[in-house]
Amino acid sequence: KSGIGGKQNQRDTLRSLGLKRISDTVVKEDRPEIRGMVSTVTHLVTVEEVD
């Protein structure tokens, strides 16, 4: 989903995660900081575990 029309902190979080466009994919290390960022935008992103 798009961050357009969302709150500024949610748009900033998406940028910090490296998500700039719809359908962007990033791989991040499982860290508490990343989990916290993802929790603020759970309605906008899909999280999957990669082996």
PDB file of N, CA and C in Angstrom:
ATOM      1  N   LYS A   1       0.840  -1.183   0.000  1.00  0.00           N
ATOM      2  CA  LYS A   1       0.000   0.000   0.000  1.00  0.00           C
ATOM      3  C   LYS A   1       0.879   1.238   0.000  1.00  0.00           C
ATOM      4  N   SER A   2       0.278   2.328  -0.311  1.00  0.00           N
ATOM      5  CA  SER A   2       1.006   3.583  -0.414  1.00  0.00           C
ATOM      6  C   SER A   2       1.004   4.335   0.910  1.00  0.00           C
ATOM      7  N   GLY A   3       2.059   5.100   1.135  1.00  0.00           N
ATOM      8  CA  GLY A   3       2.145   5.951   2.310  1.00  0.00           C
ATOM      9  C   GLY A   3       1.511   7.307   2.103  1.00  0.00           C
ATOM     10  N   ILE A   4       1.077   7.584   0.872  1.00  0.00           N
ATOM     11  CA  ILE A   4       0.462   8.874   0.569  1.00  0.00           C
ATOM     12  C   ILE A   4      -0.819   9.013   1.382  1.00  0.00           C
ATOM     13  N   GLY A   5      -0.982  10.161   1.998  1.00  0.00           N
ATOM     14  CA  GLY A   5      -2.163  10.404   2.808  1.00  0.00           C
ATOM     15  C   GLY A   5      -2.018   9.895   4.224  1.00  0.00           C
ATOM     16  N   GLY A   6      -0.926   9.205   4.494  1.00  0.00           N
ATOM     17  CA  GLY A   6      -0.681   8.707   5.837  1.00  0.00           C
ATOM     18  C   GLY A   6      -0.022   9.765   6.693  1.00  0.00           C
ATOM     19  N   LYS A   7       0.163   9.436   7.941  1.00  0.00           N
ATOM     20  CA  LYS A   7       0.814  10.360   8.857  1.00  0.00           C
ATOM     21  C   LYS A   7       2.290  10.497   8.494  1.00  0.00           C
ATOM     22  N   GLN A   8       2.851  11.643   8.819  1.00  0.00           N
ATOM     23  CA  GLN A   8       4.251  11.924   8.481  1.00  0.00           C
ATOM     24  C   GLN A   8       5.186  10.890   9.099  1.00  0.00           C
ATOM     25  N   ASN A   9       4.934  10.490  10.351  1.00  0.00           N
ATOM     26  CA  ASN A   9       5.832   9.519  10.978  1.00  0.00           C
ATOM     27  C   ASN A   9       5.784   8.172  10.263  1.00  0.00           C
ATOM     28  N   GLN A  10       4.633   7.807   9.705  1.00  0.00           N
ATOM     29  CA  GLN A  10       4.540   6.559   8.955  1.00  0.00           C
ATOM     30  C   GLN A  10       5.303   6.660   7.641  1.00  0.00           C
ATOM     31  N   ARG A  11       5.215   7.784   6.969  1.00  0.00           N
ATOM     32  CA  ARG A  11       5.970   7.979   5.723  1.00  0.00           C
ATOM     33  C   ARG A  11       7.468   7.959   6.012  1.00  0.00           C
ATOM     34  N   ASP A  12       7.876   8.592   7.114  1.00  0.00           N
ATOM     35  CA  ASP A  12       9.289   8.592   7.496  1.00  0.00           C
ATOM     36  C   ASP A  12       9.770   7.179   7.807  1.00  0.00           C
ATOM     37  N   THR A  13       8.930   6.401   8.474  1.00  0.00           N
ATOM     38  CA  THR A  13       9.293   5.025   8.807  1.00  0.00           C
ATOM     39  C   THR A  13       9.465   4.188   7.549  1.00  0.00           C
ATOM     40  N   LEU A  14       8.565   4.344   6.587  1.00  0.00           N
ATOM     41  CA  LEU A  14       8.694   3.607   5.323  1.00  0.00           C
ATOM     42  C   LEU A  14      10.008   3.954   4.638  1.00  0.00           C
ATOM     43  N   ARG A  15      10.361   5.229   4.620  1.00  0.00           N
ATOM     44  CA  ARG A  15      11.632   5.655   4.017  1.00  0.00           C
ATOM     45  C   ARG A  15      12.816   5.049   4.764  1.00  0.00           C
ATOM     46  N   SER A  16      12.756   5.046   6.096  1.00  0.00           N
ATOM     47  CA  SER A  16      13.848   4.493   6.902  1.00  0.00           C
ATOM     48  C   SER A  16      14.034   3.002   6.648  1.00  0.00           C
ATOM     49  N   LEU A  17      12.942   2.332   6.347  1.00  0.00           N
ATOM     50  CA  LEU A  17      13.017   0.904   6.039  1.00  0.00           C
ATOM     51  C   LEU A  17      13.487   0.653   4.612  1.00  0.00           C
ATOM     52  N   GLY A  18      13.596   1.703   3.813  1.00  0.00           N
ATOM     53  CA  GLY A  18      14.044   1.559   2.434  1.00  0.00           C
ATOM     54  C   GLY A  18      12.913   1.312   1.460  1.00  0.00           C
ATOM     55  N   LEU A  19      11.691   1.587   1.878  1.00  0.00           N
ATOM     56  CA  LEU A  19      10.521   1.381   1.024  1.00  0.00           C
ATOM     57  C   LEU A  19      10.093   2.721   0.450  1.00  0.00           C
ATOM     58  N   LYS A  20      10.302   2.884  -0.859  1.00  0.00           N
ATOM     59  CA  LYS A  20      10.016   4.163  -1.498  1.00  0.00           C
ATOM     60  C   LYS A  20       8.814   4.098  -2.421  1.00  0.00           C
ATOM     61  N   ARG A  21       8.545   2.932  -2.973  1.00  0.00           N
ATOM     62  CA  ARG A  21       7.456   2.791  -3.942  1.00  0.00           C
ATOM     63  C   ARG A  21       6.605   1.571  -3.596  1.00  0.00           C
ATOM     64  N   ILE A  22       5.416   1.532  -4.148  1.00  0.00           N
ATOM     65  CA  ILE A  22       4.561   0.360  -3.982  1.00  0.00           C
ATOM     66  C   ILE A  22       5.284  -0.842  -4.587  1.00  0.00           C
ATOM     67  N   SER A  23       5.194  -1.968  -3.948  1.00  0.00           N
ATOM     68  CA  SER A  23       5.807  -3.241  -4.360  1.00  0.00           C
ATOM     69  C   SER A  23       7.310  -3.286  -4.149  1.00  0.00           C
ATOM     70  N   ASP A  24       7.894  -2.312  -3.450  1.00  0.00           N
ATOM     71  CA  ASP A  24       9.311  -2.394  -3.100  1.00  0.00           C
ATOM     72  C   ASP A  24       9.521  -3.569  -2.154  1.00  0.00           C
ATOM     73  N   THR A  25      10.677  -4.203  -2.274  1.00  0.00           N
ATOM     74  CA  THR A  25      11.042  -5.325  -1.419  1.00  0.00           C
ATOM     75  C   THR A  25      12.401  -5.045  -0.803  1.00  0.00           C
ATOM     76  N   VAL A  26      12.512  -5.256   0.487  1.00  0.00           N
ATOM     77  CA  VAL A  26      13.792  -5.109   1.168  1.00  0.00           C
ATOM     78  C   VAL A  26      13.980  -6.293   2.101  1.00  0.00           C
ATOM     79  N   VAL A  27      15.237  -6.606   2.378  1.00  0.00           N
ATOM     80  CA  VAL A  27      15.581  -7.651   3.333  1.00  0.00           C
ATOM     81  C   VAL A  27      16.321  -6.970   4.469  1.00  0.00           C
ATOM     82  N   LYS A  28      15.821  -7.154   5.676  1.00  0.00           N
ATOM     83  CA  LYS A  28      16.414  -6.537   6.859  1.00  0.00           C
ATOM     84  C   LYS A  28      16.727  -7.611   7.887  1.00  0.00           C
ATOM     85  N   GLU A  29      17.738  -7.346   8.695  1.00  0.00           N
ATOM     86  CA  GLU A  29      18.087  -8.232   9.795  1.00  0.00           C
ATOM     87  C   GLU A  29      17.005  -8.135  10.869  1.00  0.00           C
ATOM     88  N   ASP A  30      16.723  -9.254  11.517  1.00  0.00           N
ATOM     89  CA  ASP A  30      15.699  -9.280  12.568  1.00  0.00           C
ATOM     90  C   ASP A  30      16.273  -8.661  13.837  1.00  0.00           C
ATOM     91  N   ARG A  31      15.974  -7.378  14.029  1.00  0.00           N
ATOM     92  CA  ARG A  31      16.467  -6.634  15.186  1.00  0.00           C
ATOM     93  C   ARG A  31      15.291  -5.918  15.839  1.00  0.00           C
ATOM     94  N   PRO A  32      15.395  -5.631  17.124  1.00  0.00           N
ATOM     95  CA  PRO A  32      14.301  -4.935  17.818  1.00  0.00           C
ATOM     96  C   PRO A  32      13.956  -3.589  17.186  1.00  0.00           C
ATOM     97  N   GLU A  33      14.951  -2.876  16.671  1.00  0.00           N
ATOM     98  CA  GLU A  33      14.702  -1.569  16.061  1.00  0.00           C
ATOM     99  C   GLU A  33      13.848  -1.714  14.802  1.00  0.00           C
ATOM    100  N   ILE A  34      14.172  -2.717  14.005  1.00  0.00           N
ATOM    101  CA  ILE A  34      13.427  -2.954  12.769  1.00  0.00           C
ATOM    102  C   ILE A  34      12.008  -3.411  13.092  1.00  0.00           C
ATOM    103  N   ARG A  35      11.868  -4.294  14.076  1.00  0.00           N
ATOM    104  CA  ARG A  35      10.532  -4.753  14.470  1.00  0.00           C
ATOM    105  C   ARG A  35       9.674  -3.588  14.946  1.00  0.00           C
ATOM    106  N   GLY A  36      10.267  -2.649  15.665  1.00  0.00           N
ATOM    107  CA  GLY A  36       9.530  -1.477  16.129  1.00  0.00           C
ATOM    108  C   GLY A  36       9.061  -0.616  14.972  1.00  0.00           C
ATOM    109  N   MET A  37       9.935  -0.428  13.981  1.00  0.00           N
ATOM    110  CA  MET A  37       9.548   0.357  12.810  1.00  0.00           C
ATOM    111  C   MET A  37       8.423  -0.330  12.049  1.00  0.00           C
ATOM    112  N   VAL A  38       8.538  -1.639  11.878  1.00  0.00           N
ATOM    113  CA  VAL A  38       7.518  -2.384  11.142  1.00  0.00           C
ATOM    114  C   VAL A  38       6.186  -2.332  11.885  1.00  0.00           C
ATOM    115  N   SER A  39       6.223  -2.337  13.211  1.00  0.00           N
ATOM    116  CA  SER A  39       4.968  -2.327  13.968  1.00  0.00           C
ATOM    117  C   SER A  39       4.181  -1.039  13.763  1.00  0.00           C
ATOM    118  N   THR A  40       4.857   0.052  13.399  1.00  0.00           N
ATOM    119  CA  THR A  40       4.138   1.309  13.170  1.00  0.00           C
ATOM    120  C   THR A  40       3.474   1.355  11.796  1.00  0.00           C
ATOM    121  N   VAL A  41       3.883   0.472  10.892  1.00  0.00           N
ATOM    122  CA  VAL A  41       3.315   0.480   9.534  1.00  0.00           C
ATOM    123  C   VAL A  41       2.802  -0.903   9.122  1.00  0.00           C
ATOM    124  N   THR A  42       2.350  -1.690  10.082  1.00  0.00           N
ATOM    125  CA  THR A  42       1.903  -3.057   9.770  1.00  0.00           C
ATOM    126  C   THR A  42       0.742  -3.077   8.788  1.00  0.00           C
ATOM    127  N   HIS A  43      -0.066  -2.033   8.763  1.00  0.00           N
ATOM    128  CA  HIS A  43      -1.201  -1.985   7.842  1.00  0.00           C
ATOM    129  C   HIS A  43      -0.770  -1.653   6.414  1.00  0.00           C
ATOM    130  N   LEU A  44       0.506  -1.301   6.231  1.00  0.00           N
ATOM    131  CA  LEU A  44       1.002  -0.925   4.908  1.00  0.00           C
ATOM    132  C   LEU A  44       1.971  -1.941   4.314  1.00  0.00           C
ATOM    133  N   VAL A  45       2.524  -2.829   5.146  1.00  0.00           N
ATOM    134  CA  VAL A  45       3.573  -3.734   4.678  1.00  0.00           C
ATOM    135  C   VAL A  45       3.210  -5.188   4.965  1.00  0.00           C
ATOM    136  N   THR A  46       3.901  -6.076   4.269  1.00  0.00           N
ATOM    137  CA  THR A  46       3.808  -7.508   4.514  1.00  0.00           C
ATOM    138  C   THR A  46       5.192  -7.982   4.925  1.00  0.00           C
ATOM    139  N   VAL A  47       5.255  -8.739   6.012  1.00  0.00           N
ATOM    140  CA  VAL A  47       6.536  -9.217   6.530  1.00  0.00           C
ATOM    141  C   VAL A  47       6.585 -10.728   6.380  1.00  0.00           C
ATOM    142  N   GLU A  48       7.688 -11.214   5.818  1.00  0.00           N
ATOM    143  CA  GLU A  48       7.901 -12.648   5.657  1.00  0.00           C
ATOM    144  C   GLU A  48       9.295 -12.987   6.139  1.00  0.00           C
ATOM    145  N   GLU A  49       9.433 -14.155   6.743  1.00  0.00           N
ATOM    146  CA  GLU A  49      10.740 -14.619   7.184  1.00  0.00           C
ATOM    147  C   GLU A  49      11.438 -15.308   6.017  1.00  0.00           C
ATOM    148  N   VAL A  50      12.720 -14.993   5.845  1.00  0.00           N
ATOM    149  CA  VAL A  50      13.519 -15.574   4.770  1.00  0.00           C
ATOM    150  C   VAL A  50      14.616 -16.416   5.401  1.00  0.00           C
ATOM    151  N   ASP A  51      14.832 -17.600   4.838  1.00  0.00           N
ATOM    152  CA  ASP A  51      15.901 -18.465   5.361  1.00  0.00           C
ATOM    153  C   ASP A  51      17.231 -18.101   4.770  1.00  0.00           C
TER     154      ASP A  51
END
